[in-house]
N, C-alpha and C. Protein backbone atom coordinates (compact mmCIF):
# COMPACT_ATOMS: atom_id res chain seq x y z
N MET A 1 0.78 -1.15 0.11
CA MET A 1 0.17 -0.07 0.02
C MET A 1 0.44 0.79 -0.49
N ALA A 2 0.65 2.48 -0.88
CA ALA A 2 1.21 3.69 -1.44
C ALA A 2 1.22 4.54 0.82
N LYS A 3 2.27 4.98 1.05
CA LYS A 3 2.38 5.39 2.30
C LYS A 3 1.69 6.83 2.11
N GLY A 4 1.19 7.64 2.82
CA GLY A 4 0.28 9.19 2.44
C GLY A 4 -0.90 9.07 1.52
N MET A 5 -1.23 7.67 1.42
CA MET A 5 -3.10 7.37 0.89
C MET A 5 -3.66 7.62 1.69
N GLY A 6 -4.09 8.32 2.85
CA GLY A 6 -5.24 7.91 3.76
C GLY A 6 -5.69 6.83 4.21
N ARG A 7 -4.34 5.98 3.75
CA ARG A 7 -5.60 4.44 3.96
C ARG A 7 -4.97 3.83 5.27
N ARG A 8 -5.52 3.45 6.23
CA ARG A 8 -4.61 2.19 6.74
C ARG A 8 -5.35 1.10 6.97
N PRO A 9 -3.69 -0.02 6.36
CA PRO A 9 -4.20 -1.22 6.49
C PRO A 9 -5.33 -1.51 7.82
N LYS A 10 -5.92 -2.59 7.60
CA LYS A 10 -6.84 -2.95 8.27
C LYS A 10 -6.14 -4.32 9.42
N ALA A 11 -6.72 -4.88 10.92
CA ALA A 11 -6.12 -5.19 11.38
C ALA A 11 -6.67 -6.78 11.33
N GLU A 12 -5.64 -7.74 11.21
CA GLU A 12 -6.48 -9.07 10.99
C GLU A 12 -7.29 -9.59 11.86
N LEU A 13 -9.36 -9.72 11.68
CA LEU A 13 -9.34 -9.82 13.73
C LEU A 13 -9.31 -11.28 13.69
N ASP A 14 -9.16 -11.83 12.81
CA ASP A 14 -9.22 -13.74 13.72
C ASP A 14 -8.16 -14.12 13.09
N SER A 15 -6.89 -13.44 13.67
CA SER A 15 -5.52 -14.36 13.40
C SER A 15 -4.86 -14.82 15.34
N GLY A 16 -5.76 -13.85 16.25
CA GLY A 16 -5.89 -15.16 17.58
C GLY A 16 -4.89 -13.96 18.68
N VAL A 17 -4.53 -12.73 17.85
CA VAL A 17 -3.20 -11.83 18.40
C VAL A 17 -3.68 -11.49 19.84
N GLU A 18 -4.68 -11.78 20.14
CA GLU A 18 -4.98 -11.54 21.67
C GLU A 18 -4.34 -12.93 22.85
N ASP A 19 -4.08 -13.79 22.18
CA ASP A 19 -3.87 -14.91 22.50
C ASP A 19 -2.61 -14.60 22.26
N VAL A 20 -1.64 -14.17 22.02
CA VAL A 20 -0.21 -13.51 22.81
C VAL A 20 -0.15 -12.40 22.96
N THR A 21 -0.72 -11.57 23.01
CA THR A 21 -0.94 -10.49 23.70
C THR A 21 0.86 -9.70 25.04
N LEU A 22 0.18 -11.15 25.95
CA LEU A 22 1.46 -11.26 27.36
C LEU A 22 2.76 -11.00 26.48
N LEU A 23 2.78 -12.30 25.45
CA LEU A 23 4.39 -12.38 24.78
C LEU A 23 4.46 -10.77 24.53
N VAL A 24 3.24 -10.62 23.64
CA VAL A 24 3.70 -9.41 23.02
C VAL A 24 4.47 -8.23 24.21
N LEU A 25 4.00 -7.91 24.49
CA LEU A 25 3.83 -7.03 25.89
C LEU A 25 5.02 -7.34 26.90
N GLU A 26 5.80 -8.89 26.92
CA GLU A 26 7.02 -9.36 27.59
C GLU A 26 7.88 -8.68 27.17
N TRP A 27 8.00 -9.23 25.61
CA TRP A 27 8.93 -8.75 24.04
C TRP A 27 9.18 -7.50 24.19
N LEU A 28 8.76 -6.64 23.83
CA LEU A 28 8.82 -5.30 23.72
C LEU A 28 9.82 -5.43 25.35
N GLY A 29 8.82 -5.12 26.29
CA GLY A 29 10.16 -5.01 27.80
C GLY A 29 11.67 -5.45 27.50
N GLU A 30 11.12 -6.69 27.31
CA GLU A 30 12.81 -6.88 27.07
C GLU A 30 13.97 -5.81 26.10
N GLN A 31 12.39 -4.94 24.48
CA GLN A 31 13.59 -4.65 24.28
C GLN A 31 13.29 -2.88 24.38
N GLY A 32 13.37 -3.14 25.86
CA GLY A 32 13.13 -1.36 26.45
C GLY A 32 12.18 -0.62 26.12
N VAL A 33 11.04 -1.26 25.33
CA VAL A 33 9.93 -0.80 24.97
C VAL A 33 8.53 -0.42 26.93
N GLY A 34 8.50 0.19 27.17
CA GLY A 34 7.53 0.44 27.77
C GLY A 34 5.48 0.40 27.10
N ALA A 35 4.73 -0.93 27.85
CA ALA A 35 3.77 -1.13 26.86
C ALA A 35 3.03 -0.95 27.79
N MET A 36 1.52 -0.87 27.66
CA MET A 36 0.29 -1.51 28.26
C MET A 36 -0.77 -1.48 26.89
N ILE A 37 -1.62 -1.90 27.84
CA ILE A 37 -3.29 -2.36 27.62
C ILE A 37 -4.32 -2.28 28.34
N ARG A 38 -5.60 -1.51 28.30
CA ARG A 38 -6.58 -0.94 28.83
C ARG A 38 -7.99 -0.91 28.30
N VAL A 39 -8.74 -1.76 29.53
CA VAL A 39 -10.18 -1.51 29.01
C VAL A 39 -10.82 -0.24 29.66
N ASP A 40 -11.58 0.59 28.74
CA ASP A 40 -12.74 1.73 30.03
C ASP A 40 -13.53 1.52 29.44
N ALA A 41 -14.22 1.28 30.66
CA ALA A 41 -15.51 0.84 30.80
C ALA A 41 -16.28 1.71 29.93
N GLU A 42 -16.09 2.86 31.03
CA GLU A 42 -17.24 3.54 29.84
C GLU A 42 -16.92 4.36 28.55
N ARG A 43 -15.85 3.91 28.08
CA ARG A 43 -16.07 4.11 26.57
C ARG A 43 -16.52 3.48 25.86
N MET A 44 -16.55 2.17 26.83
CA MET A 44 -17.03 0.99 26.48
C MET A 44 -18.78 1.63 26.92
N ARG A 45 -19.38 1.07 27.67
CA ARG A 45 -21.09 2.07 27.89
C ARG A 45 -21.41 3.00 26.58
N ASP A 46 -20.52 3.92 26.37
CA ASP A 46 -20.95 4.64 25.42
C ASP A 46 -20.74 4.39 23.45
N GLY A 47 -20.24 3.18 23.94
CA GLY A 47 -20.33 2.86 21.93
C GLY A 47 -19.00 3.24 21.44
N GLN A 48 -17.96 3.28 22.53
CA GLN A 48 -16.35 4.00 21.60
C GLN A 48 -15.67 2.79 22.28
N PRO A 49 -14.87 2.56 21.18
CA PRO A 49 -13.65 1.69 21.08
C PRO A 49 -12.90 1.06 22.80
N ALA A 50 -13.13 1.15 23.12
CA ALA A 50 -12.60 0.65 24.70
C ALA A 50 -11.35 -0.17 25.19
N TRP A 51 -10.62 0.18 24.42
CA TRP A 51 -9.57 -0.83 24.46
C TRP A 51 -8.68 0.08 23.89
N THR A 52 -7.27 -0.29 24.60
CA THR A 52 -5.84 0.42 24.24
C THR A 52 -4.71 0.28 24.20
N PHE A 53 -4.07 0.38 23.47
CA PHE A 53 -2.63 0.19 23.49
C PHE A 53 -1.70 0.75 23.66
N ALA A 54 -0.39 1.18 24.02
CA ALA A 54 0.04 2.80 24.85
C ALA A 54 0.76 1.98 24.52
N ALA A 55 2.58 2.59 23.66
CA ALA A 55 3.78 2.01 23.87
C ALA A 55 4.67 3.49 23.85
N SER A 56 5.67 2.89 24.49
CA SER A 56 6.81 4.59 24.25
C SER A 56 8.41 3.52 25.23
N GLY A 57 9.66 4.47 24.24
CA GLY A 57 10.40 4.76 24.94
C GLY A 57 11.36 3.38 24.04
N GLY A 58 12.20 2.96 24.74
CA GLY A 58 13.46 1.98 23.71
C GLY A 58 13.81 2.88 22.03
N PRO A 59 13.73 1.75 21.40
CA PRO A 59 13.99 2.61 19.50
C PRO A 59 12.33 3.68 19.01
N LEU A 60 11.57 3.34 19.97
CA LEU A 60 10.35 3.90 19.24
C LEU A 60 10.80 5.77 19.34
N ASP A 61 10.64 6.26 18.11
CA ASP A 61 10.82 7.59 18.26
C ASP A 61 8.97 8.68 19.00
N GLY A 62 8.96 8.96 20.20
CA GLY A 62 7.84 9.44 20.77
C GLY A 62 7.49 7.53 21.27
N GLY A 63 5.38 8.14 21.51
CA GLY A 63 5.08 7.22 21.62
C GLY A 63 3.87 6.81 20.95
N MET A 64 3.58 5.72 21.04
CA MET A 64 2.47 5.04 20.04
C MET A 64 1.03 5.09 20.38
N ARG A 65 -0.12 5.08 20.03
CA ARG A 65 -1.49 4.39 20.25
C ARG A 65 -1.92 4.10 19.22
N ALA A 66 -2.62 3.00 20.15
CA ALA A 66 -4.05 2.09 18.36
C ALA A 66 -5.13 2.29 20.22
N ASP A 67 -6.53 1.65 19.26
CA ASP A 67 -7.37 1.57 19.96
C ASP A 67 -8.08 0.77 19.27
N GLY A 68 -8.36 -0.07 19.83
CA GLY A 68 -10.51 -0.74 18.92
C GLY A 68 -11.34 -1.39 19.96
N ALA A 69 -12.06 -1.46 19.17
CA ALA A 69 -13.67 -2.03 19.53
C ALA A 69 -13.77 -3.30 20.76
N SER A 70 -12.07 -3.74 20.01
CA SER A 70 -12.08 -6.00 21.15
C SER A 70 -10.47 -5.55 21.11
N VAL A 71 -9.95 -6.36 22.08
CA VAL A 71 -8.63 -6.60 21.91
C VAL A 71 -7.81 -7.13 21.34
N ALA A 72 -8.23 -7.68 20.04
CA ALA A 72 -7.68 -8.72 19.04
C ALA A 72 -7.64 -7.18 17.47
N GLU A 73 -8.85 -6.52 18.04
CA GLU A 73 -8.51 -5.50 16.74
C GLU A 73 -7.59 -4.46 16.88
N CYS A 74 -7.57 -3.73 18.74
CA CYS A 74 -6.51 -3.32 19.07
C CYS A 74 -5.20 -3.34 18.99
N MET A 75 -4.79 -4.71 18.54
CA MET A 75 -4.03 -5.08 18.82
C MET A 75 -3.08 -5.08 17.49
N GLY A 76 -4.60 -6.27 17.29
CA GLY A 76 -3.85 -5.51 15.51
C GLY A 76 -3.57 -4.59 14.77
N THR A 77 -4.25 -3.40 15.51
CA THR A 77 -3.59 -2.28 15.00
C THR A 77 -2.08 -1.73 15.38
N ALA A 78 -1.99 -2.13 16.34
CA ALA A 78 -0.76 -2.00 17.17
C ALA A 78 0.18 -2.75 16.86
N LEU A 79 0.27 -3.84 16.66
CA LEU A 79 1.21 -4.55 15.43
C LEU A 79 1.68 -4.22 14.50
N LEU A 80 0.79 -4.03 13.29
CA LEU A 80 0.89 -2.82 12.75
C LEU A 80 1.35 -1.33 12.16
N ARG A 81 1.15 -1.23 13.56
CA ARG A 81 1.72 0.61 13.27
C ARG A 81 3.61 0.34 14.06
N LEU A 82 3.47 -1.19 15.66
CA LEU A 82 4.63 -0.98 15.94
C LEU A 82 5.77 -1.69 14.27
N ARG A 83 5.00 -2.25 13.97
CA ARG A 83 6.12 -2.93 12.70
C ARG A 83 6.29 -2.03 11.59
N GLU A 84 5.62 -0.66 11.38
CA GLU A 84 5.89 0.61 10.50
C GLU A 84 6.93 0.99 10.84
N ALA A 85 6.70 0.86 12.43
CA ALA A 85 8.31 2.53 13.10
C ALA A 85 9.17 1.05 13.49
N GLY A 86 9.12 0.25 12.93
CA GLY A 86 10.51 -0.32 12.53
C GLY A 86 10.90 -1.60 14.31
N LEU A 87 9.73 -2.27 14.42
CA LEU A 87 9.59 -2.96 15.06
C LEU A 87 9.71 -4.46 15.08
N ALA A 88 10.75 -5.14 14.24
CA ALA A 88 10.19 -6.63 14.43
C ALA A 88 9.43 -7.12 14.98
N VAL A 89 8.39 -7.33 15.58
CA VAL A 89 7.54 -8.26 16.59
C VAL A 89 7.79 -9.43 16.35
N PRO A 90 7.64 -10.49 17.02
CA PRO A 90 8.34 -12.10 15.93
C PRO A 90 7.08 -13.19 17.07
N PHE A 91 5.78 -12.25 16.85
CA PHE A 91 4.25 -12.35 17.50
C PHE A 91 3.56 -12.18 15.95
């Protein structure tokens, strides 16, 4: 996909990424990246994407954030953005 086209690749929702989320967080910590995933009950009640992944430090230039309506959507998007930032997450 060409960069700058205003389009983002879609996260693969059936990839099982939610099964490896803790492994991803642990791997990121080993790379010097602080990372977390959280759910916001208020946003869930309001029908907004309730899951948030955030990471910063280590080889990342600044922080990054990904939101999603499910763990799979959130982490799928997060993995795409981490890879775009140059982190070859092995999961």
